[in-house]
Amino acid sequence: MNNRAGENGKVPARSGRFLKKEGYWYYSTREGVDIGPFDSREDAEVGVGEFIDFICASEPQVLAALKQYRAA
């Protein structure tokens, strides 16, 4: 694995953001929230792109609210 742009030093452990539970696909956010269900991994990949666009356009309080729903 290589460092990402702007990273220095040892490459940190990374995990996949997509998971399948009970026949449906989800993606996991950095905040620890699993978002779904999606019928396919491809649908989940589209969903994560839309989520990133949403977060980038949101006010800071939206991210703060999302952090309240972290996975246990």
C-alpha atoms as a PDB file:
ATOM      1  CA  MET A   1       0.000   0.000   0.000  1.00  0.00           C
ATOM      2  CA  ASN A   2       1.142   3.522  -0.726  1.00  0.00           C
ATOM      3  CA  ASN A   3       0.663   6.770   1.160  1.00  0.00           C
ATOM      4  CA  ARG A   4      -2.139   8.968  -0.063  1.00  0.00           C
ATOM      5  CA  ALA A   5      -1.508  12.542  -1.171  1.00  0.00           C
ATOM      6  CA  GLY A   6      -0.349  14.587   1.811  1.00  0.00           C
ATOM      7  CA  GLU A   7       0.457  11.566   3.994  1.00  0.00           C
ATOM      8  CA  ASN A   8       3.959  10.986   5.324  1.00  0.00           C
ATOM      9  CA  GLY A   9       5.523   8.111   7.221  1.00  0.00           C
ATOM     10  CA  LYS A  10       4.138   4.635   7.739  1.00  0.00           C
ATOM     11  CA  VAL A  11       0.997   3.792   5.790  1.00  0.00           C
ATOM     12  CA  PRO A  12      -1.912   3.481   8.245  1.00  0.00           C
ATOM     13  CA  ALA A  13      -4.180   0.432   8.315  1.00  0.00           C
ATOM     14  CA  ARG A  14      -7.095   0.824   5.944  1.00  0.00           C
ATOM     15  CA  SER A  15     -10.360  -1.041   5.760  1.00  0.00           C
ATOM     16  CA  GLY A  16     -12.959  -1.359   3.062  1.00  0.00           C
ATOM     17  CA  ARG A  17     -15.913   0.965   3.279  1.00  0.00           C
ATOM     18  CA  PHE A  18     -18.382  -1.436   1.656  1.00  0.00           C
ATOM     19  CA  LEU A  19     -20.030  -4.318   3.474  1.00  0.00           C
ATOM     20  CA  LYS A  20     -22.817  -6.761   2.801  1.00  0.00           C
ATOM     21  CA  LYS A  21     -25.302  -7.638   5.552  1.00  0.00           C
ATOM     22  CA  GLU A  22     -28.347  -9.860   5.151  1.00  0.00           C
ATOM     23  CA  GLY A  23     -28.237  -9.622   1.360  1.00  0.00           C
ATOM     24  CA  TYR A  24     -27.936  -5.824   1.165  1.00  0.00           C
ATOM     25  CA  TRP A  25     -24.956  -3.518   0.667  1.00  0.00           C
ATOM     26  CA  TYR A  26     -23.911  -0.653   2.933  1.00  0.00           C
ATOM     27  CA  TYR A  27     -21.025   1.777   3.072  1.00  0.00           C
ATOM     28  CA  SER A  28     -19.355   2.961   6.245  1.00  0.00           C
ATOM     29  CA  THR A  29     -18.531   6.627   6.778  1.00  0.00           C
ATOM     30  CA  ARG A  30     -15.455   7.978   8.564  1.00  0.00           C
ATOM     31  CA  GLU A  31     -17.794   8.868  11.385  1.00  0.00           C
ATOM     32  CA  GLY A  32     -18.607   5.164  11.834  1.00  0.00           C
ATOM     33  CA  VAL A  33     -22.127   5.210  10.398  1.00  0.00           C
ATOM     34  CA  ASP A  34     -23.218   2.377   8.078  1.00  0.00           C
ATOM     35  CA  ILE A  35     -25.459   3.807   5.358  1.00  0.00           C
ATOM     36  CA  GLY A  36     -27.794   1.673   3.293  1.00  0.00           C
ATOM     37  CA  PRO A  37     -29.349  -0.642   2.407  1.00  0.00           C
ATOM     38  CA  PHE A  38     -28.524  -0.803  -1.287  1.00  0.00           C
ATOM     39  CA  ASP A  39     -29.454  -3.652  -3.618  1.00  0.00           C
ATOM     40  CA  SER A  40     -25.942  -3.874  -5.097  1.00  0.00           C
ATOM     41  CA  ARG A  41     -22.388  -2.786  -4.391  1.00  0.00           C
ATOM     42  CA  GLU A  42     -22.586  -0.560  -7.462  1.00  0.00           C
ATOM     43  CA  ASP A  43     -25.593   1.234  -5.966  1.00  0.00           C
ATOM     44  CA  ALA A  44     -23.668   1.665  -2.703  1.00  0.00           C
ATOM     45  CA  GLU A  45     -20.722   3.138  -4.649  1.00  0.00           C
ATOM     46  CA  VAL A  46     -23.045   5.686  -6.243  1.00  0.00           C
ATOM     47  CA  GLY A  47     -24.524   6.394  -2.818  1.00  0.00           C
ATOM     48  CA  VAL A  48     -21.144   7.095  -1.244  1.00  0.00           C
ATOM     49  CA  GLY A  49     -20.366   9.612  -3.999  1.00  0.00           C
ATOM     50  CA  GLU A  50     -23.662  11.355  -3.349  1.00  0.00           C
ATOM     51  CA  PHE A  51     -22.955  11.330   0.396  1.00  0.00           C
ATOM     52  CA  ILE A  52     -19.560  12.973  -0.138  1.00  0.00           C
ATOM     53  CA  ASP A  53     -21.169  15.656  -2.314  1.00  0.00           C
ATOM     54  CA  PHE A  54     -23.798  16.215   0.393  1.00  0.00           C
ATOM     55  CA  ILE A  55     -21.226  16.540   3.202  1.00  0.00           C
ATOM     56  CA  CYS A  56     -19.061  18.914   1.158  1.00  0.00           C
ATOM     57  CA  ALA A  57     -22.055  21.207   0.602  1.00  0.00           C
ATOM     58  CA  SER A  58     -23.400  20.979   4.179  1.00  0.00           C
ATOM     59  CA  GLU A  59     -23.075  23.311   7.106  1.00  0.00           C
ATOM     60  CA  PRO A  60     -20.767  22.206   9.985  1.00  0.00           C
ATOM     61  CA  GLN A  61     -23.719  21.359  12.232  1.00  0.00           C
ATOM     62  CA  VAL A  62     -24.772  18.616   9.787  1.00  0.00           C
ATOM     63  CA  LEU A  63     -21.489  16.780  10.359  1.00  0.00           C
ATOM     64  CA  ALA A  64     -21.864  17.288  14.111  1.00  0.00           C
ATOM     65  CA  ALA A  65     -25.343  15.712  13.973  1.00  0.00           C
ATOM     66  CA  LEU A  66     -24.018  12.766  11.958  1.00  0.00           C
ATOM     67  CA  LYS A  67     -21.358  12.082  14.592  1.00  0.00           C
ATOM     68  CA  GLN A  68     -24.151  11.572  17.149  1.00  0.00           C
ATOM     69  CA  TYR A  69     -25.153   8.400  15.269  1.00  0.00           C
ATOM     70  CA  ARG A  70     -21.788   6.626  15.325  1.00  0.00           C
ATOM     71  CA  ALA A  71     -21.910   2.847  15.170  1.00  0.00           C
ATOM     72  CA  ALA A  72     -21.501   1.250  18.578  1.00  0.00           C
END
